[in-house]
Amino acid sequence: MGSKRQAASKDRPIVMTIYPIAGRQLFFKVPESFCRECDLTIRAVKQVVVELGNPPGVQVRIKPWLNYLAQALFRGGWHPPVVTINGKRFSQGVVPDAAALRAALKKNLPPKE
C-alpha cells in the first residue's frame, strides 16, 4: 500500500495554500495591520520552501480567505490565516511553526532516488 502512495505523490505536486484575510478581499482591501499573522505566515511558508531547496513539484498558492471562503471552510479553515497542504489543514489562526512545517513538507516529498 505504501508504494502506491509514494508513486502517486511523485506524479502530483505538493500544493500548499495560504488563505489570508489581509490584502485584497472581494471588492475591498483589508489593511495589513488587521492581520499581522497573515504576512508572517506567507513569509514563513515561502522561507521553508526555499530552505528545502525549492523542490520541484511544490506549489505555494495564496488565495484571499473571503474570496475562497467556502473552500477554506470546507478544509476546516475557520480562522485565517489558514495553511493547507494538499487540501488538508495544517494550521489556522497562527503563524505556523517552521520546524513542523518543514517536517510536514519533507513527509510529503517523494524520496530522492
C-alpha atoms as a PDB file:
ATOM      1  CA  MET A   1       0.000   0.000   0.000  1.00  0.00           C
ATOM      2  CA  GLY A   2       2.862   2.373   0.795  1.00  0.00           C
ATOM      3  CA  SER A   3       4.343   2.089  -2.704  1.00  0.00           C
ATOM      4  CA  LYS A   4       1.057   3.203  -4.289  1.00  0.00           C
ATOM      5  CA  ARG A   5       1.015   6.284  -2.093  1.00  0.00           C
ATOM      6  CA  GLN A   6       4.610   7.137  -2.928  1.00  0.00           C
ATOM      7  CA  ALA A   7       4.041   6.596  -6.641  1.00  0.00           C
ATOM      8  CA  ALA A   8       1.007   8.859  -6.568  1.00  0.00           C
ATOM      9  CA  SER A   9       2.886  11.614  -4.723  1.00  0.00           C
ATOM     10  CA  LYS A  10       5.704  11.533  -7.330  1.00  0.00           C
ATOM     11  CA  ASP A  11       3.277  12.430 -10.106  1.00  0.00           C
ATOM     12  CA  ARG A  12       1.260  15.008  -8.235  1.00  0.00           C
ATOM     13  CA  PRO A  13       2.657  18.289  -6.957  1.00  0.00           C
ATOM     14  CA  ILE A  14       2.521  19.243  -3.300  1.00  0.00           C
ATOM     15  CA  VAL A  15       0.156  22.185  -3.124  1.00  0.00           C
ATOM     16  CA  MET A  16       0.430  24.493  -0.137  1.00  0.00           C
ATOM     17  CA  THR A  17      -2.389  27.003   0.016  1.00  0.00           C
ATOM     18  CA  ILE A  18      -2.449  30.032   2.292  1.00  0.00           C
ATOM     19  CA  TYR A  19      -5.766  31.772   2.954  1.00  0.00           C
ATOM     20  CA  PRO A  20      -5.001  35.221   4.448  1.00  0.00           C
ATOM     21  CA  ILE A  21      -7.626  37.780   5.488  1.00  0.00           C
ATOM     22  CA  ALA A  22      -5.337  40.783   4.948  1.00  0.00           C
ATOM     23  CA  GLY A  23      -4.990  42.307   1.496  1.00  0.00           C
ATOM     24  CA  ARG A  24      -7.463  42.355  -1.378  1.00  0.00           C
ATOM     25  CA  GLN A  25     -10.767  40.667  -0.425  1.00  0.00           C
ATOM     26  CA  LEU A  26     -13.777  40.684  -2.736  1.00  0.00           C
ATOM     27  CA  PHE A  27     -14.289  44.368  -3.610  1.00  0.00           C
ATOM     28  CA  PHE A  28     -12.317  45.971  -0.743  1.00  0.00           C
ATOM     29  CA  LYS A  29      -8.887  45.844   0.874  1.00  0.00           C
ATOM     30  CA  VAL A  30      -8.243  44.691   4.439  1.00  0.00           C
ATOM     31  CA  PRO A  31      -5.268  46.586   5.938  1.00  0.00           C
ATOM     32  CA  GLU A  32      -2.169  44.527   6.735  1.00  0.00           C
ATOM     33  CA  SER A  33      -2.331  45.822  10.317  1.00  0.00           C
ATOM     34  CA  PHE A  34      -5.615  43.919  10.740  1.00  0.00           C
ATOM     35  CA  CYS A  35      -3.787  40.577  10.488  1.00  0.00           C
ATOM     36  CA  ARG A  36      -0.051  40.687  11.103  1.00  0.00           C
ATOM     37  CA  GLU A  37      -0.052  36.874  11.245  1.00  0.00           C
ATOM     38  CA  CYS A  38      -1.145  36.748   7.587  1.00  0.00           C
ATOM     39  CA  ASP A  39       2.011  38.393   6.271  1.00  0.00           C
ATOM     40  CA  LEU A  40       4.215  36.436   8.674  1.00  0.00           C
ATOM     41  CA  THR A  41       2.567  33.172   7.586  1.00  0.00           C
ATOM     42  CA  ILE A  42       3.166  33.873   3.900  1.00  0.00           C
ATOM     43  CA  ARG A  43       6.805  34.719   4.595  1.00  0.00           C
ATOM     44  CA  ALA A  44       7.298  31.647   6.817  1.00  0.00           C
ATOM     45  CA  VAL A  45       5.854  29.245   4.229  1.00  0.00           C
ATOM     46  CA  LYS A  46       7.932  30.716   1.416  1.00  0.00           C
ATOM     47  CA  GLN A  47      11.067  30.648   3.593  1.00  0.00           C
ATOM     48  CA  VAL A  48      10.615  26.956   4.458  1.00  0.00           C
ATOM     49  CA  VAL A  49      10.200  26.082   0.770  1.00  0.00           C
ATOM     50  CA  VAL A  50      13.406  27.986  -0.042  1.00  0.00           C
ATOM     51  CA  GLU A  51      15.251  26.278   2.851  1.00  0.00           C
ATOM     52  CA  LEU A  52      14.255  22.898   1.424  1.00  0.00           C
ATOM     53  CA  GLY A  53      15.928  23.877  -1.849  1.00  0.00           C
ATOM     54  CA  ASN A  54      12.756  24.979  -3.652  1.00  0.00           C
ATOM     55  CA  PRO A  55      11.946  21.383  -4.626  1.00  0.00           C
ATOM     56  CA  PRO A  56      10.225  20.851  -7.961  1.00  0.00           C
ATOM     57  CA  GLY A  57       6.608  19.917  -7.542  1.00  0.00           C
ATOM     58  CA  VAL A  58       5.994  22.151  -4.523  1.00  0.00           C
ATOM     59  CA  GLN A  59       3.499  24.891  -5.291  1.00  0.00           C
ATOM     60  CA  VAL A  60       2.608  27.735  -2.937  1.00  0.00           C
ATOM     61  CA  ARG A  61      -0.751  29.346  -3.631  1.00  0.00           C
ATOM     62  CA  ILE A  62      -2.160  32.399  -1.903  1.00  0.00           C
ATOM     63  CA  LYS A  63      -5.933  32.720  -2.010  1.00  0.00           C
ATOM     64  CA  PRO A  64      -7.790  35.528  -0.221  1.00  0.00           C
ATOM     65  CA  TRP A  65      -9.840  33.990   2.590  1.00  0.00           C
ATOM     66  CA  LEU A  66     -13.094  35.827   1.868  1.00  0.00           C
ATOM     67  CA  ASN A  67     -12.880  35.211  -1.875  1.00  0.00           C
ATOM     68  CA  TYR A  68     -12.422  31.480  -1.237  1.00  0.00           C
ATOM     69  CA  LEU A  69     -14.481  31.275   1.953  1.00  0.00           C
ATOM     70  CA  ALA A  70     -16.369  28.101   1.015  1.00  0.00           C
ATOM     71  CA  GLN A  71     -13.137  26.348   0.017  1.00  0.00           C
ATOM     72  CA  ALA A  72     -11.368  27.431   3.212  1.00  0.00           C
ATOM     73  CA  LEU A  73     -14.276  26.385   5.441  1.00  0.00           C
ATOM     74  CA  PHE A  74     -14.570  23.026   3.663  1.00  0.00           C
ATOM     75  CA  ARG A  75     -10.940  22.384   4.581  1.00  0.00           C
ATOM     76  CA  GLY A  76     -11.559  23.362   8.210  1.00  0.00           C
ATOM     77  CA  GLY A  77     -10.145  26.863   7.954  1.00  0.00           C
ATOM     78  CA  TRP A  78     -12.432  28.925  10.146  1.00  0.00           C
ATOM     79  CA  HIS A  79      -9.820  31.424  11.359  1.00  0.00           C
ATOM     80  CA  PRO A  80      -7.321  32.991   8.945  1.00  0.00           C
ATOM     81  CA  PRO A  81      -4.512  32.736   8.167  1.00  0.00           C
ATOM     82  CA  VAL A  82      -5.124  29.142   7.133  1.00  0.00           C
ATOM     83  CA  VAL A  83      -2.402  26.916   5.684  1.00  0.00           C
ATOM     84  CA  THR A  84      -3.288  23.685   3.896  1.00  0.00           C
ATOM     85  CA  ILE A  85      -1.003  21.041   2.440  1.00  0.00           C
ATOM     86  CA  ASN A  86      -2.634  19.059  -0.359  1.00  0.00           C
ATOM     87  CA  GLY A  87      -6.050  20.239   0.811  1.00  0.00           C
ATOM     88  CA  LYS A  88      -5.613  19.211   4.453  1.00  0.00           C
ATOM     89  CA  ARG A  89      -5.486  21.906   7.103  1.00  0.00           C
ATOM     90  CA  PHE A  90      -2.025  22.304   8.582  1.00  0.00           C
ATOM     91  CA  SER A  91      -2.619  25.413  10.696  1.00  0.00           C
ATOM     92  CA  GLN A  92      -5.062  28.236  11.239  1.00  0.00           C
ATOM     93  CA  GLY A  93      -5.136  31.474  13.199  1.00  0.00           C
ATOM     94  CA  VAL A  94      -1.418  31.435  13.996  1.00  0.00           C
ATOM     95  CA  VAL A  95       1.912  31.654  12.221  1.00  0.00           C
ATOM     96  CA  PRO A  96       2.880  28.018  11.621  1.00  0.00           C
ATOM     97  CA  ASP A  97       5.941  26.625  13.348  1.00  0.00           C
ATOM     98  CA  ALA A  98       8.724  26.454  10.761  1.00  0.00           C
ATOM     99  CA  ALA A  99      10.113  23.148  12.069  1.00  0.00           C
ATOM    100  CA  ALA A 100       6.689  21.460  11.985  1.00  0.00           C
ATOM    101  CA  LEU A 101       6.017  22.857   8.515  1.00  0.00           C
ATOM    102  CA  ARG A 102       9.403  21.642   7.272  1.00  0.00           C
ATOM    103  CA  ALA A 103       8.720  18.168   8.696  1.00  0.00           C
ATOM    104  CA  ALA A 104       5.264  18.022   7.081  1.00  0.00           C
ATOM    105  CA  LEU A 105       6.688  19.039   3.721  1.00  0.00           C
ATOM    106  CA  LYS A 106       9.519  16.513   3.911  1.00  0.00           C
ATOM    107  CA  LYS A 107       6.973  13.800   4.736  1.00  0.00           C
ATOM    108  CA  ASN A 108       5.033  14.642   1.566  1.00  0.00           C
ATOM    109  CA  LEU A 109       8.071  14.929  -0.727  1.00  0.00           C
ATOM    110  CA  PRO A 110       8.856  11.883  -2.835  1.00  0.00           C
ATOM    111  CA  PRO A 111      12.007  10.056  -1.740  1.00  0.00           C
ATOM    112  CA  LYS A 112      15.212  11.038  -3.519  1.00  0.00           C
ATOM    113  CA  GLU A 113      16.459   8.449  -5.927  1.00  0.00           C
END
